[in-house]
């Protein structure tokens, strides 16, 4: 809960354009269950806060049950607050491409539905250009055998997820989904990106 409150304060600071707001930038990613994505980006050096939420849909203030029905159009996402002096948007995208399967449409493993789609919701035109170039470069590499189907769209209708979704892996490390699905993803990130790992982790 403390991490979630810290995230709320930091995001509020940015959105209110406080004197320190220029220090940070934001990125929003959908890569399957937001519990998984949150746990990974919380461990990236230069990331100050991560918040689970919903984006890309047409319903105002959707609930988790509404989103999981697949009828609101939202994707489960994480909003990442980062210091570009420490970690770049390009590097965050590298983590994105390597820690989920961007070639499966509307699914990640056993999680199936449009809410689990692979998506980059850009905050400005610069991020759009960078994301498109990164997708093309990754698609032309040998990272994935199949074509990438990741959506690149402007950030619209973003809503913060319910409190119990925030900091989920850290709060519930022994839960079944956490130990079976999330822990291996975190381990993969640590193995492939040791240079991006926060020193305390």
C-alpha atoms as a PDB file:
ATOM      1  CA  UNK A   1       0.000   0.000   0.000  1.00  0.00           C
ATOM      2  CA  UNK A   2       2.881   2.376   0.765  1.00  0.00           C
ATOM      3  CA  UNK A   3       4.240   1.968  -2.784  1.00  0.00           C
ATOM      4  CA  UNK A   4       0.780   2.667  -4.207  1.00  0.00           C
ATOM      5  CA  UNK A   5       0.402   5.845  -2.138  1.00  0.00           C
ATOM      6  CA  UNK A   6       3.848   6.963  -3.243  1.00  0.00           C
ATOM      7  CA  UNK A   7       2.873   6.352  -6.865  1.00  0.00           C
ATOM      8  CA  UNK A   8      -0.328   8.367  -6.469  1.00  0.00           C
ATOM      9  CA  UNK A   9       1.619  11.285  -4.985  1.00  0.00           C
ATOM     10  CA  UNK A  10       4.215  11.204  -7.763  1.00  0.00           C
ATOM     11  CA  UNK A  11       1.668  11.002 -10.565  1.00  0.00           C
ATOM     12  CA  UNK A  12      -0.334  13.811  -8.939  1.00  0.00           C
ATOM     13  CA  UNK A  13       2.821  15.909  -8.833  1.00  0.00           C
ATOM     14  CA  UNK A  14       3.425  15.385 -12.559  1.00  0.00           C
ATOM     15  CA  UNK A  15      -0.173  16.040 -13.548  1.00  0.00           C
ATOM     16  CA  UNK A  16      -0.257  19.255 -11.521  1.00  0.00           C
ATOM     17  CA  UNK A  17       2.919  20.478 -13.258  1.00  0.00           C
ATOM     18  CA  UNK A  18       4.801  21.110 -10.036  1.00  0.00           C
ATOM     19  CA  UNK A  19       8.342  22.588 -10.192  1.00  0.00           C
ATOM     20  CA  UNK A  20       9.815  19.060 -10.178  1.00  0.00           C
ATOM     21  CA  UNK A  21       7.504  17.699 -12.878  1.00  0.00           C
ATOM     22  CA  UNK A  22      10.015  18.255 -15.697  1.00  0.00           C
ATOM     23  CA  UNK A  23      12.290  15.663 -14.127  1.00  0.00           C
ATOM     24  CA  UNK A  24       9.993  12.778 -15.040  1.00  0.00           C
ATOM     25  CA  UNK A  25       8.219  11.340 -18.061  1.00  0.00           C
ATOM     26  CA  UNK A  26       5.417   8.800 -18.367  1.00  0.00           C
ATOM     27  CA  UNK A  27       4.894   5.684 -20.453  1.00  0.00           C
ATOM     28  CA  UNK A  28       1.912   3.358 -20.610  1.00  0.00           C
ATOM     29  CA  UNK A  29       2.109  -0.295 -21.644  1.00  0.00           C
ATOM     30  CA  UNK A  30      -0.298  -3.195 -22.005  1.00  0.00           C
ATOM     31  CA  UNK A  31       1.372  -6.602 -22.004  1.00  0.00           C
ATOM     32  CA  UNK A  32      -1.122  -9.037 -20.562  1.00  0.00           C
ATOM     33  CA  UNK A  33      -2.110  -9.074 -16.904  1.00  0.00           C
ATOM     34  CA  UNK A  34      -1.074  -5.794 -15.324  1.00  0.00           C
ATOM     35  CA  UNK A  35       0.134  -7.606 -12.209  1.00  0.00           C
ATOM     36  CA  UNK A  36       2.957  -9.083 -14.297  1.00  0.00           C
ATOM     37  CA  UNK A  37       3.894  -5.870 -16.057  1.00  0.00           C
ATOM     38  CA  UNK A  38       3.818  -3.846 -12.851  1.00  0.00           C
ATOM     39  CA  UNK A  39       6.147  -6.298 -11.075  1.00  0.00           C
ATOM     40  CA  UNK A  40       8.719  -6.042 -13.869  1.00  0.00           C
ATOM     41  CA  UNK A  41       8.789  -2.266 -14.251  1.00  0.00           C
ATOM     42  CA  UNK A  42       8.931  -1.760 -10.487  1.00  0.00           C
ATOM     43  CA  UNK A  43      12.377  -3.354 -10.695  1.00  0.00           C
ATOM     44  CA  UNK A  44      13.748  -1.170 -13.492  1.00  0.00           C
ATOM     45  CA  UNK A  45      16.352   1.356 -12.432  1.00  0.00           C
ATOM     46  CA  UNK A  46      15.133   4.887 -13.101  1.00  0.00           C
ATOM     47  CA  UNK A  47      11.457   3.998 -12.690  1.00  0.00           C
ATOM     48  CA  UNK A  48      10.030   6.054  -9.854  1.00  0.00           C
ATOM     49  CA  UNK A  49       6.493   4.664  -9.735  1.00  0.00           C
ATOM     50  CA  UNK A  50       4.226   2.169 -11.487  1.00  0.00           C
ATOM     51  CA  UNK A  51       0.437   2.263 -11.447  1.00  0.00           C
ATOM     52  CA  UNK A  52      -1.970  -0.390 -12.729  1.00  0.00           C
ATOM     53  CA  UNK A  53      -4.935   0.846 -14.714  1.00  0.00           C
ATOM     54  CA  UNK A  54      -7.152   0.529 -17.771  1.00  0.00           C
ATOM     55  CA  UNK A  55      -6.826   2.334 -21.118  1.00  0.00           C
ATOM     56  CA  UNK A  56      -8.105   2.328 -24.682  1.00  0.00           C
ATOM     57  CA  UNK A  57     -11.760   1.671 -23.983  1.00  0.00           C
ATOM     58  CA  UNK A  58     -15.061   3.500 -24.334  1.00  0.00           C
ATOM     59  CA  UNK A  59     -16.544   3.173 -20.820  1.00  0.00           C
ATOM     60  CA  UNK A  60     -15.955   5.768 -18.108  1.00  0.00           C
ATOM     61  CA  UNK A  61     -14.444   4.530 -14.833  1.00  0.00           C
ATOM     62  CA  UNK A  62     -14.731   0.813 -15.643  1.00  0.00           C
ATOM     63  CA  UNK A  63     -14.527  -1.785 -12.904  1.00  0.00           C
ATOM     64  CA  UNK A  64     -12.256  -4.798 -13.112  1.00  0.00           C
ATOM     65  CA  UNK A  65     -15.224  -7.105 -13.712  1.00  0.00           C
ATOM     66  CA  UNK A  66     -16.416  -4.887 -16.567  1.00  0.00           C
ATOM     67  CA  UNK A  67     -12.964  -4.831 -18.165  1.00  0.00           C
ATOM     68  CA  UNK A  68     -12.533  -8.600 -17.865  1.00  0.00           C
ATOM     69  CA  UNK A  69     -15.836  -9.075 -19.672  1.00  0.00           C
ATOM     70  CA  UNK A  70     -14.033  -7.789 -22.774  1.00  0.00           C
ATOM     71  CA  UNK A  71     -16.896  -5.427 -23.582  1.00  0.00           C
ATOM     72  CA  UNK A  72     -15.448  -2.085 -22.464  1.00  0.00           C
ATOM     73  CA  UNK A  73     -12.583  -2.053 -24.979  1.00  0.00           C
ATOM     74  CA  UNK A  74      -9.995  -1.368 -22.294  1.00  0.00           C
ATOM     75  CA  UNK A  75      -6.653  -3.059 -21.967  1.00  0.00           C
ATOM     76  CA  UNK A  76      -5.041  -3.779 -18.632  1.00  0.00           C
ATOM     77  CA  UNK A  77      -2.063  -1.418 -18.555  1.00  0.00           C
ATOM     78  CA  UNK A  78       0.611   0.034 -16.327  1.00  0.00           C
ATOM     79  CA  UNK A  79       1.499   3.696 -16.231  1.00  0.00           C
ATOM     80  CA  UNK A  80       5.219   4.100 -15.630  1.00  0.00           C
ATOM     81  CA  UNK A  81       6.781   7.226 -14.195  1.00  0.00           C
ATOM     82  CA  UNK A  82      10.466   7.338 -15.090  1.00  0.00           C
ATOM     83  CA  UNK A  83      13.507   9.580 -14.971  1.00  0.00           C
ATOM     84  CA  UNK A  84      14.809   9.961 -18.557  1.00  0.00           C
ATOM     85  CA  UNK A  85      18.233  10.892 -17.166  1.00  0.00           C
ATOM     86  CA  UNK A  86      18.499   7.313 -15.876  1.00  0.00           C
ATOM     87  CA  UNK A  87      16.323   5.183 -18.178  1.00  0.00           C
ATOM     88  CA  UNK A  88      15.152   6.062 -21.686  1.00  0.00           C
ATOM     89  CA  UNK A  89      11.806   5.347 -23.320  1.00  0.00           C
ATOM     90  CA  UNK A  90      13.701   3.184 -25.832  1.00  0.00           C
ATOM     91  CA  UNK A  91      15.099   1.062 -22.999  1.00  0.00           C
ATOM     92  CA  UNK A  92      11.655   0.694 -21.447  1.00  0.00           C
ATOM     93  CA  UNK A  93      10.479  -0.587 -24.838  1.00  0.00           C
ATOM     94  CA  UNK A  94      13.318  -3.123 -24.914  1.00  0.00           C
ATOM     95  CA  UNK A  95      12.053  -4.507 -21.623  1.00  0.00           C
ATOM     96  CA  UNK A  96       8.518  -4.491 -23.043  1.00  0.00           C
ATOM     97  CA  UNK A  97       9.440  -6.554 -26.131  1.00  0.00           C
ATOM     98  CA  UNK A  98      11.427  -9.116 -24.147  1.00  0.00           C
ATOM     99  CA  UNK A  99       9.093  -9.769 -21.217  1.00  0.00           C
ATOM    100  CA  UNK A 100       5.837 -10.666 -22.956  1.00  0.00           C
ATOM    101  CA  UNK A 101       4.805 -12.219 -26.281  1.00  0.00           C
ATOM    102  CA  UNK A 102       3.827  -9.373 -28.644  1.00  0.00           C
ATOM    103  CA  UNK A 103       2.901 -11.825 -31.414  1.00  0.00           C
ATOM    104  CA  UNK A 104      -0.251 -13.287 -29.848  1.00  0.00           C
ATOM    105  CA  UNK A 105      -3.418 -11.324 -30.500  1.00  0.00           C
ATOM    106  CA  UNK A 106      -5.524 -10.592 -27.416  1.00  0.00           C
ATOM    107  CA  UNK A 107      -3.784 -13.102 -25.195  1.00  0.00           C
ATOM    108  CA  UNK A 108      -0.802 -13.812 -23.008  1.00  0.00           C
ATOM    109  CA  UNK A 109      -0.536 -17.478 -22.151  1.00  0.00           C
ATOM    110  CA  UNK A 110      -3.732 -18.600 -20.468  1.00  0.00           C
ATOM    111  CA  UNK A 111      -4.999 -15.012 -20.152  1.00  0.00           C
ATOM    112  CA  UNK A 112      -7.290 -14.507 -23.137  1.00  0.00           C
ATOM    113  CA  UNK A 113      -9.343 -11.488 -24.214  1.00  0.00           C
ATOM    114  CA  UNK A 114      -8.914  -7.974 -25.631  1.00  0.00           C
ATOM    115  CA  UNK A 115      -8.087  -6.703 -22.148  1.00  0.00           C
ATOM    116  CA  UNK A 116      -4.814  -8.662 -22.369  1.00  0.00           C
ATOM    117  CA  UNK A 117      -3.724  -7.256 -25.730  1.00  0.00           C
ATOM    118  CA  UNK A 118      -0.202  -6.060 -26.370  1.00  0.00           C
ATOM    119  CA  UNK A 119      -0.279  -2.272 -26.594  1.00  0.00           C
ATOM    120  CA  UNK A 120       1.825   0.849 -26.346  1.00  0.00           C
ATOM    121  CA  UNK A 121      -0.273   3.894 -25.467  1.00  0.00           C
ATOM    122  CA  UNK A 122       1.876   6.871 -26.348  1.00  0.00           C
ATOM    123  CA  UNK A 123       1.720  10.158 -24.438  1.00  0.00           C
ATOM    124  CA  UNK A 124       3.049  12.357 -27.245  1.00  0.00           C
ATOM    125  CA  UNK A 125       4.120  12.267 -30.893  1.00  0.00           C
ATOM    126  CA  UNK A 126       7.753  11.678 -29.981  1.00  0.00           C
ATOM    127  CA  UNK A 127       6.820   8.485 -28.147  1.00  0.00           C
ATOM    128  CA  UNK A 128       4.700   7.407 -31.120  1.00  0.00           C
ATOM    129  CA  UNK A 129       7.633   7.742 -33.514  1.00  0.00           C
ATOM    130  CA  UNK A 130      10.013   5.956 -31.149  1.00  0.00           C
ATOM    131  CA  UNK A 131       7.504   3.138 -30.552  1.00  0.00           C
ATOM    132  CA  UNK A 132       6.902   2.627 -34.275  1.00  0.00           C
ATOM    133  CA  UNK A 133      10.635   2.485 -34.998  1.00  0.00           C
ATOM    134  CA  UNK A 134      11.208   0.124 -32.077  1.00  0.00           C
ATOM    135  CA  UNK A 135       8.416  -2.183 -33.242  1.00  0.00           C
ATOM    136  CA  UNK A 136       9.825  -2.297 -36.787  1.00  0.00           C
ATOM    137  CA  UNK A 137      13.341  -2.970 -35.537  1.00  0.00           C
ATOM    138  CA  UNK A 138      12.155  -5.731 -33.203  1.00  0.00           C
ATOM    139  CA  UNK A 139       9.908  -7.272 -35.845  1.00  0.00           C
ATOM    140  CA  UNK A 140      12.866  -7.475 -38.232  1.00  0.00           C
ATOM    141  CA  UNK A 141      15.093  -9.070 -35.601  1.00  0.00           C
ATOM    142  CA  UNK A 142      15.103 -12.724 -34.595  1.00  0.00           C
ATOM    143  CA  UNK A 143      13.599 -12.058 -31.175  1.00  0.00           C
ATOM    144  CA  UNK A 144      10.199 -13.499 -32.168  1.00  0.00           C
ATOM    145  CA  UNK A 145       9.474 -16.001 -34.936  1.00  0.00           C
ATOM    146  CA  UNK A 146       5.985 -14.640 -35.663  1.00  0.00           C
ATOM    147  CA  UNK A 147       4.927 -11.099 -36.666  1.00  0.00           C
ATOM    148  CA  UNK A 148       4.369  -8.585 -33.885  1.00  0.00           C
ATOM    149  CA  UNK A 149       0.734  -7.524 -33.455  1.00  0.00           C
ATOM    150  CA  UNK A 150       1.245  -4.843 -30.799  1.00  0.00           C
ATOM    151  CA  UNK A 151      -1.177  -1.912 -30.962  1.00  0.00           C
ATOM    152  CA  UNK A 152       0.339   1.580 -30.933  1.00  0.00           C
ATOM    153  CA  UNK A 153      -2.322   4.118 -29.999  1.00  0.00           C
ATOM    154  CA  UNK A 154      -2.659   7.457 -28.192  1.00  0.00           C
ATOM    155  CA  UNK A 155      -3.393   7.248 -24.485  1.00  0.00           C
ATOM    156  CA  UNK A 156      -7.149   7.725 -24.085  1.00  0.00           C
ATOM    157  CA  UNK A 157      -9.673   7.009 -21.359  1.00  0.00           C
ATOM    158  CA  UNK A 158      -7.077   5.990 -18.799  1.00  0.00           C
ATOM    159  CA  UNK A 159      -8.406   5.053 -15.390  1.00  0.00           C
ATOM    160  CA  UNK A 160      -6.588   3.848 -12.291  1.00  0.00           C
ATOM    161  CA  UNK A 161      -7.392   0.264 -11.311  1.00  0.00           C
ATOM    162  CA  UNK A 162      -8.800  -0.653  -7.929  1.00  0.00           C
ATOM    163  CA  UNK A 163      -6.501  -0.421  -4.897  1.00  0.00           C
ATOM    164  CA  UNK A 164      -6.150  -4.186  -4.493  1.00  0.00           C
ATOM    165  CA  UNK A 165      -4.531  -4.441  -7.934  1.00  0.00           C
ATOM    166  CA  UNK A 166      -1.735  -2.041  -7.002  1.00  0.00           C
ATOM    167  CA  UNK A 167       1.643  -3.498  -5.996  1.00  0.00           C
ATOM    168  CA  UNK A 168       0.012  -6.909  -6.325  1.00  0.00           C
ATOM    169  CA  UNK A 169       3.045  -9.162  -6.712  1.00  0.00           C
ATOM    170  CA  UNK A 170       4.957  -7.540  -3.861  1.00  0.00           C
ATOM    171  CA  UNK A 171       1.924  -7.823  -1.593  1.00  0.00           C
ATOM    172  CA  UNK A 172       1.026 -11.406  -2.601  1.00  0.00           C
ATOM    173  CA  UNK A 173       4.266 -13.207  -3.536  1.00  0.00           C
ATOM    174  CA  UNK A 174       2.989 -16.623  -2.441  1.00  0.00           C
ATOM    175  CA  UNK A 175      -0.356 -16.472  -4.261  1.00  0.00           C
ATOM    176  CA  UNK A 176      -0.725 -19.127  -6.952  1.00  0.00           C
ATOM    177  CA  UNK A 177      -0.735 -16.799  -9.957  1.00  0.00           C
ATOM    178  CA  UNK A 178       2.187 -14.831  -8.560  1.00  0.00           C
ATOM    179  CA  UNK A 179       4.431 -17.838  -7.992  1.00  0.00           C
ATOM    180  CA  UNK A 180       3.484 -19.685 -11.193  1.00  0.00           C
ATOM    181  CA  UNK A 181       3.153 -16.841 -13.720  1.00  0.00           C
ATOM    182  CA  UNK A 182       4.643 -13.594 -12.410  1.00  0.00           C
ATOM    183  CA  UNK A 183       7.752 -14.865 -10.612  1.00  0.00           C
ATOM    184  CA  UNK A 184       9.176 -16.534 -13.772  1.00  0.00           C
ATOM    185  CA  UNK A 185       8.632 -13.309 -15.746  1.00  0.00           C
ATOM    186  CA  UNK A 186      10.457 -11.300 -13.095  1.00  0.00           C
ATOM    187  CA  UNK A 187      13.267 -13.865 -13.075  1.00  0.00           C
ATOM    188  CA  UNK A 188      13.545 -13.594 -16.869  1.00  0.00           C
ATOM    189  CA  UNK A 189      13.786  -9.828 -16.665  1.00  0.00           C
ATOM    190  CA  UNK A 190      16.528 -10.036 -14.024  1.00  0.00           C
ATOM    191  CA  UNK A 191      18.485 -12.517 -16.146  1.00  0.00           C
ATOM    192  CA  UNK A 192      18.194 -10.598 -19.433  1.00  0.00           C
ATOM    193  CA  UNK A 193      18.515  -7.043 -18.083  1.00  0.00           C
ATOM    194  CA  UNK A 194      20.913  -7.105 -15.113  1.00  0.00           C
ATOM    195  CA  UNK A 195      22.228  -3.687 -16.190  1.00  0.00           C
ATOM    196  CA  UNK A 196      18.755  -2.171 -15.757  1.00  0.00           C
ATOM    197  CA  UNK A 197      17.975  -3.725 -12.394  1.00  0.00           C
ATOM    198  CA  UNK A 198      17.573  -1.493  -9.376  1.00  0.00           C
ATOM    199  CA  UNK A 199      20.495  -2.012  -7.025  1.00  0.00           C
ATOM    200  CA  UNK A 200      18.223  -2.703  -4.051  1.00  0.00           C
ATOM    201  CA  UNK A 201      16.650  -5.630  -5.933  1.00  0.00           C
END
